[in-house]
Amino acid sequence: MCARRLSQVARVWRPDGIDDALRVWLPAPPGRARSIYLERSGANYTDREVALLSLLRPQLIRARQAAERRRAAAPPLLTPREAEVLAWIGAGKTNREISQLLFISPFTVRQHVENIFQKLGVQTRAAAVAALTGLGGGDRREVASPRVPIADFGTPPSPGSPDQS
């Protein structure tokens, strides 16, 4: 639940002025770790502070779950077509190639790209892909795309497949 005085404090962080550390572990999906880590210099955490943090753990879990529910209930950031265009951008396709794959004009692709940039608050194709793959450092939001899942940028649907529109 709450780990106290990690061994790294003495060996690694004490030279940087960190005297004590606490970590509260929170539920996470398989293969991932989620924790809140606190550091202190000048004094160690008291037993009372450790107990208080342990008592706060259920509240922190509930707050995290509430945030996940709000995020899931939020409307999709991109339309399905914008998500499809972004998936092709992630696969390295040009606007002209995307227009041929989706049977739309290059001007329409450009409009979709401009909308994507505006919605994601980015200015380049690479930044748009990074923003939705978690490489951009910002808040990752899912898109509304039944045909091209955002996590599968490397393998967009092949041209002429039944799920192409």
C-alpha atoms as a PDB file:
ATOM      1  CA  MET A   1       0.000   0.000   0.000  1.00  0.00           C
ATOM      2  CA  CYS A   2       2.397   2.657   1.225  1.00  0.00           C
ATOM      3  CA  ALA A   3       6.131   2.090   0.940  1.00  0.00           C
ATOM      4  CA  ARG A   4       8.426   4.066   3.195  1.00  0.00           C
ATOM      5  CA  ARG A   5      12.047   5.099   2.924  1.00  0.00           C
ATOM      6  CA  LEU A   6      12.924   3.493  -0.359  1.00  0.00           C
ATOM      7  CA  SER A   7      16.447   2.139  -0.465  1.00  0.00           C
ATOM      8  CA  GLN A   8      17.272   4.467  -3.374  1.00  0.00           C
ATOM      9  CA  VAL A   9      16.890   7.493  -1.093  1.00  0.00           C
ATOM     10  CA  ALA A  10      20.078   6.796   0.816  1.00  0.00           C
ATOM     11  CA  ARG A  11      22.145   5.708  -2.163  1.00  0.00           C
ATOM     12  CA  VAL A  12      20.949   7.949  -4.948  1.00  0.00           C
ATOM     13  CA  TRP A  13      18.883  10.891  -3.789  1.00  0.00           C
ATOM     14  CA  ARG A  14      20.419  11.865  -0.454  1.00  0.00           C
ATOM     15  CA  PRO A  15      23.342  13.559  -2.260  1.00  0.00           C
ATOM     16  CA  ASP A  16      20.679  15.700  -3.989  1.00  0.00           C
ATOM     17  CA  GLY A  17      19.124  16.705  -0.676  1.00  0.00           C
ATOM     18  CA  ILE A  18      16.266  14.194  -0.590  1.00  0.00           C
ATOM     19  CA  ASP A  19      16.093  12.629   2.854  1.00  0.00           C
ATOM     20  CA  ASP A  20      12.906  10.572   2.767  1.00  0.00           C
ATOM     21  CA  ALA A  21      10.385   9.267   0.241  1.00  0.00           C
ATOM     22  CA  LEU A  22       6.935   7.715   0.266  1.00  0.00           C
ATOM     23  CA  ARG A  23       5.151   5.883  -2.494  1.00  0.00           C
ATOM     24  CA  VAL A  24       1.450   5.027  -2.603  1.00  0.00           C
ATOM     25  CA  TRP A  25       0.592   2.287  -5.051  1.00  0.00           C
ATOM     26  CA  LEU A  26      -2.687   2.576  -6.953  1.00  0.00           C
ATOM     27  CA  PRO A  27      -4.501  -0.026  -9.077  1.00  0.00           C
ATOM     28  CA  ALA A  28      -3.215  -0.251 -12.629  1.00  0.00           C
ATOM     29  CA  PRO A  29      -3.854  -2.392 -15.713  1.00  0.00           C
ATOM     30  CA  PRO A  30      -1.760  -5.561 -16.073  1.00  0.00           C
ATOM     31  CA  GLY A  31       1.793  -4.774 -17.087  1.00  0.00           C
ATOM     32  CA  ARG A  32       1.631  -1.171 -15.805  1.00  0.00           C
ATOM     33  CA  ALA A  33       2.443   0.499 -12.506  1.00  0.00           C
ATOM     34  CA  ARG A  34       0.708   3.523 -11.070  1.00  0.00           C
ATOM     35  CA  SER A  35       1.842   5.323  -7.937  1.00  0.00           C
ATOM     36  CA  ILE A  36       2.082   8.667  -6.229  1.00  0.00           C
ATOM     37  CA  TYR A  37       5.610   9.405  -5.142  1.00  0.00           C
ATOM     38  CA  LEU A  38       6.493  12.048  -2.539  1.00  0.00           C
ATOM     39  CA  GLU A  39       9.961  13.256  -1.597  1.00  0.00           C
ATOM     40  CA  ARG A  40      11.067  15.363   1.323  1.00  0.00           C
ATOM     41  CA  SER A  41      14.289  17.087   2.265  1.00  0.00           C
ATOM     42  CA  GLY A  42      15.273  18.269   5.685  1.00  0.00           C
ATOM     43  CA  ALA A  43      13.142  15.848   7.694  1.00  0.00           C
ATOM     44  CA  ASN A  44      11.743  12.352   7.491  1.00  0.00           C
ATOM     45  CA  TYR A  45       8.034  11.653   7.144  1.00  0.00           C
ATOM     46  CA  THR A  46       6.414  11.012  10.510  1.00  0.00           C
ATOM     47  CA  ASP A  47       4.437   7.879  11.305  1.00  0.00           C
ATOM     48  CA  ARG A  48       1.331  10.101  11.411  1.00  0.00           C
ATOM     49  CA  GLU A  49       1.997  11.343   7.852  1.00  0.00           C
ATOM     50  CA  VAL A  50       2.517   7.777   6.637  1.00  0.00           C
ATOM     51  CA  ALA A  51      -0.761   6.708   8.276  1.00  0.00           C
ATOM     52  CA  LEU A  52      -2.592   9.707   6.786  1.00  0.00           C
ATOM     53  CA  LEU A  53      -1.339   8.889   3.308  1.00  0.00           C
ATOM     54  CA  SER A  54      -2.454   5.280   3.748  1.00  0.00           C
ATOM     55  CA  LEU A  55      -5.908   6.531   4.760  1.00  0.00           C
ATOM     56  CA  LEU A  56      -6.032   8.789   1.689  1.00  0.00           C
ATOM     57  CA  ARG A  57      -5.320   5.901  -0.697  1.00  0.00           C
ATOM     58  CA  PRO A  58      -9.003   4.865  -1.149  1.00  0.00           C
ATOM     59  CA  GLN A  59      -9.926   8.498  -1.893  1.00  0.00           C
ATOM     60  CA  LEU A  60      -7.130   8.748  -4.445  1.00  0.00           C
ATOM     61  CA  ILE A  61      -8.357   5.557  -6.111  1.00  0.00           C
ATOM     62  CA  ARG A  62     -11.931   6.911  -6.264  1.00  0.00           C
ATOM     63  CA  ALA A  63     -10.719  10.229  -7.685  1.00  0.00           C
ATOM     64  CA  ARG A  64      -8.764   8.397 -10.383  1.00  0.00           C
ATOM     65  CA  GLN A  65     -11.776   6.226 -11.258  1.00  0.00           C
ATOM     66  CA  ALA A  66     -14.047   9.296 -11.433  1.00  0.00           C
ATOM     67  CA  ALA A  67     -11.595  11.004 -13.792  1.00  0.00           C
ATOM     68  CA  GLU A  68     -11.498   7.898 -16.003  1.00  0.00           C
ATOM     69  CA  ARG A  69     -15.316   7.822 -16.124  1.00  0.00           C
ATOM     70  CA  ARG A  70     -15.446  11.518 -17.097  1.00  0.00           C
ATOM     71  CA  ARG A  71     -12.811  10.971 -19.773  1.00  0.00           C
ATOM     72  CA  ALA A  72     -14.730   7.982 -21.168  1.00  0.00           C
ATOM     73  CA  ALA A  73     -17.981   9.974 -21.234  1.00  0.00           C
ATOM     74  CA  ALA A  74     -16.388  12.909 -23.071  1.00  0.00           C
ATOM     75  CA  PRO A  75     -17.314  13.210 -26.727  1.00  0.00           C
ATOM     76  CA  PRO A  76     -14.676  11.941 -29.149  1.00  0.00           C
ATOM     77  CA  LEU A  77     -12.006  14.433 -30.045  1.00  0.00           C
ATOM     78  CA  LEU A  78     -11.958  13.599 -33.764  1.00  0.00           C
ATOM     79  CA  THR A  79     -14.654  12.486 -36.164  1.00  0.00           C
ATOM     80  CA  PRO A  80     -14.358   8.968 -37.585  1.00  0.00           C
ATOM     81  CA  ARG A  81     -13.132  10.377 -40.924  1.00  0.00           C
ATOM     82  CA  GLU A  82     -10.543  12.608 -39.236  1.00  0.00           C
ATOM     83  CA  ALA A  83      -9.343   9.601 -37.244  1.00  0.00           C
ATOM     84  CA  GLU A  84      -9.064   7.617 -40.457  1.00  0.00           C
ATOM     85  CA  VAL A  85      -7.044  10.395 -42.114  1.00  0.00           C
ATOM     86  CA  LEU A  86      -4.806  10.631 -39.036  1.00  0.00           C
ATOM     87  CA  ALA A  87      -4.233   6.875 -39.114  1.00  0.00           C
ATOM     88  CA  TRP A  88      -3.046   7.132 -42.723  1.00  0.00           C
ATOM     89  CA  ILE A  89      -0.825  10.087 -41.758  1.00  0.00           C
ATOM     90  CA  GLY A  90       0.653   7.865 -39.046  1.00  0.00           C
ATOM     91  CA  ALA A  91       1.336   5.265 -41.733  1.00  0.00           C
ATOM     92  CA  GLY A  92       3.381   7.870 -43.651  1.00  0.00           C
ATOM     93  CA  LYS A  93       0.919   8.631 -46.439  1.00  0.00           C
ATOM     94  CA  THR A  94       0.789  12.015 -48.189  1.00  0.00           C
ATOM     95  CA  ASN A  95      -2.432  13.983 -48.672  1.00  0.00           C
ATOM     96  CA  ARG A  96      -2.579  12.857 -52.311  1.00  0.00           C
ATOM     97  CA  GLU A  97      -2.128   9.194 -51.357  1.00  0.00           C
ATOM     98  CA  ILE A  98      -4.774   9.491 -48.638  1.00  0.00           C
ATOM     99  CA  SER A  99      -7.190  11.094 -51.083  1.00  0.00           C
ATOM    100  CA  GLN A 100      -6.745   8.175 -53.471  1.00  0.00           C
ATOM    101  CA  LEU A 101      -7.154   5.612 -50.694  1.00  0.00           C
ATOM    102  CA  LEU A 102     -10.315   7.232 -49.339  1.00  0.00           C
ATOM    103  CA  PHE A 103     -11.770   8.302 -52.708  1.00  0.00           C
ATOM    104  CA  ILE A 104     -11.944  11.973 -51.717  1.00  0.00           C
ATOM    105  CA  SER A 105     -10.261  15.059 -53.128  1.00  0.00           C
ATOM    106  CA  PRO A 106      -6.853  16.218 -51.893  1.00  0.00           C
ATOM    107  CA  PHE A 107      -8.558  19.473 -50.841  1.00  0.00           C
ATOM    108  CA  THR A 108     -10.909  17.505 -48.567  1.00  0.00           C
ATOM    109  CA  VAL A 109      -7.927  15.673 -47.046  1.00  0.00           C
ATOM    110  CA  ARG A 110      -6.246  19.021 -46.445  1.00  0.00           C
ATOM    111  CA  GLN A 111      -9.397  20.279 -44.687  1.00  0.00           C
ATOM    112  CA  HIS A 112      -9.428  17.167 -42.482  1.00  0.00           C
ATOM    113  CA  VAL A 113      -5.728  17.687 -41.660  1.00  0.00           C
ATOM    114  CA  GLU A 114      -6.355  21.344 -40.750  1.00  0.00           C
ATOM    115  CA  ASN A 115      -9.273  20.300 -38.512  1.00  0.00           C
ATOM    116  CA  ILE A 116      -7.092  17.644 -36.858  1.00  0.00           C
ATOM    117  CA  PHE A 117      -4.325  20.193 -36.208  1.00  0.00           C
ATOM    118  CA  GLN A 118      -6.813  22.660 -34.720  1.00  0.00           C
ATOM    119  CA  LYS A 119      -8.542  20.080 -32.504  1.00  0.00           C
ATOM    120  CA  LEU A 120      -5.266  18.642 -31.225  1.00  0.00           C
ATOM    121  CA  GLY A 121      -3.546  22.018 -30.866  1.00  0.00           C
ATOM    122  CA  VAL A 122      -0.587  21.012 -33.029  1.00  0.00           C
ATOM    123  CA  GLN A 123       1.092  22.384 -36.151  1.00  0.00           C
ATOM    124  CA  THR A 124       2.698  19.360 -37.802  1.00  0.00           C
ATOM    125  CA  ARG A 125       1.689  15.916 -38.959  1.00  0.00           C
ATOM    126  CA  ALA A 126       4.236  14.283 -36.643  1.00  0.00           C
ATOM    127  CA  ALA A 127       2.900  16.234 -33.653  1.00  0.00           C
ATOM    128  CA  ALA A 128      -0.668  15.143 -34.482  1.00  0.00           C
ATOM    129  CA  VAL A 129       0.343  11.482 -34.535  1.00  0.00           C
ATOM    130  CA  ALA A 130       2.415  11.904 -31.355  1.00  0.00           C
ATOM    131  CA  ALA A 131      -0.467  13.654 -29.555  1.00  0.00           C
ATOM    132  CA  LEU A 132      -2.734  10.649 -29.921  1.00  0.00           C
ATOM    133  CA  THR A 133      -0.173   7.920 -29.410  1.00  0.00           C
ATOM    134  CA  GLY A 134       0.979   9.282 -26.082  1.00  0.00           C
ATOM    135  CA  LEU A 135       4.351  10.460 -27.390  1.00  0.00           C
ATOM    136  CA  GLY A 136       3.347  14.104 -27.283  1.00  0.00           C
ATOM    137  CA  GLY A 137       3.360  14.348 -23.526  1.00  0.00           C
ATOM    138  CA  GLY A 138      -0.173  15.727 -23.414  1.00  0.00           C
ATOM    139  CA  ASP A 139      -3.468  14.239 -22.416  1.00  0.00           C
ATOM    140  CA  ARG A 140      -4.184  11.302 -24.698  1.00  0.00           C
ATOM    141  CA  ARG A 141      -7.794  11.132 -25.848  1.00  0.00           C
ATOM    142  CA  GLU A 142      -9.402   8.452 -27.890  1.00  0.00           C
ATOM    143  CA  VAL A 143     -10.953   9.144 -31.259  1.00  0.00           C
ATOM    144  CA  ALA A 144     -14.229   7.957 -32.712  1.00  0.00           C
ATOM    145  CA  SER A 145     -13.112   5.517 -35.354  1.00  0.00           C
ATOM    146  CA  PRO A 146     -14.769   2.153 -35.688  1.00  0.00           C
ATOM    147  CA  ARG A 147     -12.587   1.325 -38.688  1.00  0.00           C
ATOM    148  CA  VAL A 148      -9.119   2.535 -37.677  1.00  0.00           C
ATOM    149  CA  PRO A 149      -8.264   2.174 -33.986  1.00  0.00           C
ATOM    150  CA  ILE A 150      -5.827   4.896 -32.949  1.00  0.00           C
ATOM    151  CA  ALA A 151      -3.518   2.415 -31.249  1.00  0.00           C
ATOM    152  CA  ASP A 152      -3.042   0.602 -34.549  1.00  0.00           C
ATOM    153  CA  PHE A 153      -1.371   3.333 -36.638  1.00  0.00           C
ATOM    154  CA  GLY A 154       1.062   0.935 -38.242  1.00  0.00           C
ATOM    155  CA  THR A 155      -1.592  -1.154 -39.970  1.00  0.00           C
ATOM    156  CA  PRO A 156      -4.386   0.940 -41.447  1.00  0.00           C
ATOM    157  CA  PRO A 157      -7.010  -0.933 -43.443  1.00  0.00           C
ATOM    158  CA  SER A 158      -5.767  -1.980 -46.838  1.00  0.00           C
ATOM    159  CA  PRO A 159      -7.195  -0.164 -49.878  1.00  0.00           C
ATOM    160  CA  GLY A 160     -10.316  -1.805 -51.187  1.00  0.00           C
ATOM    161  CA  SER A 161     -11.023  -3.674 -47.947  1.00  0.00           C
ATOM    162  CA  PRO A 162     -14.714  -4.038 -47.068  1.00  0.00           C
ATOM    163  CA  ASP A 163     -14.497  -1.491 -44.246  1.00  0.00           C
ATOM    164  CA  GLN A 164     -13.345   1.335 -46.526  1.00  0.00           C
ATOM    165  CA  SER A 165     -15.889   4.070 -47.228  1.00  0.00           C
END
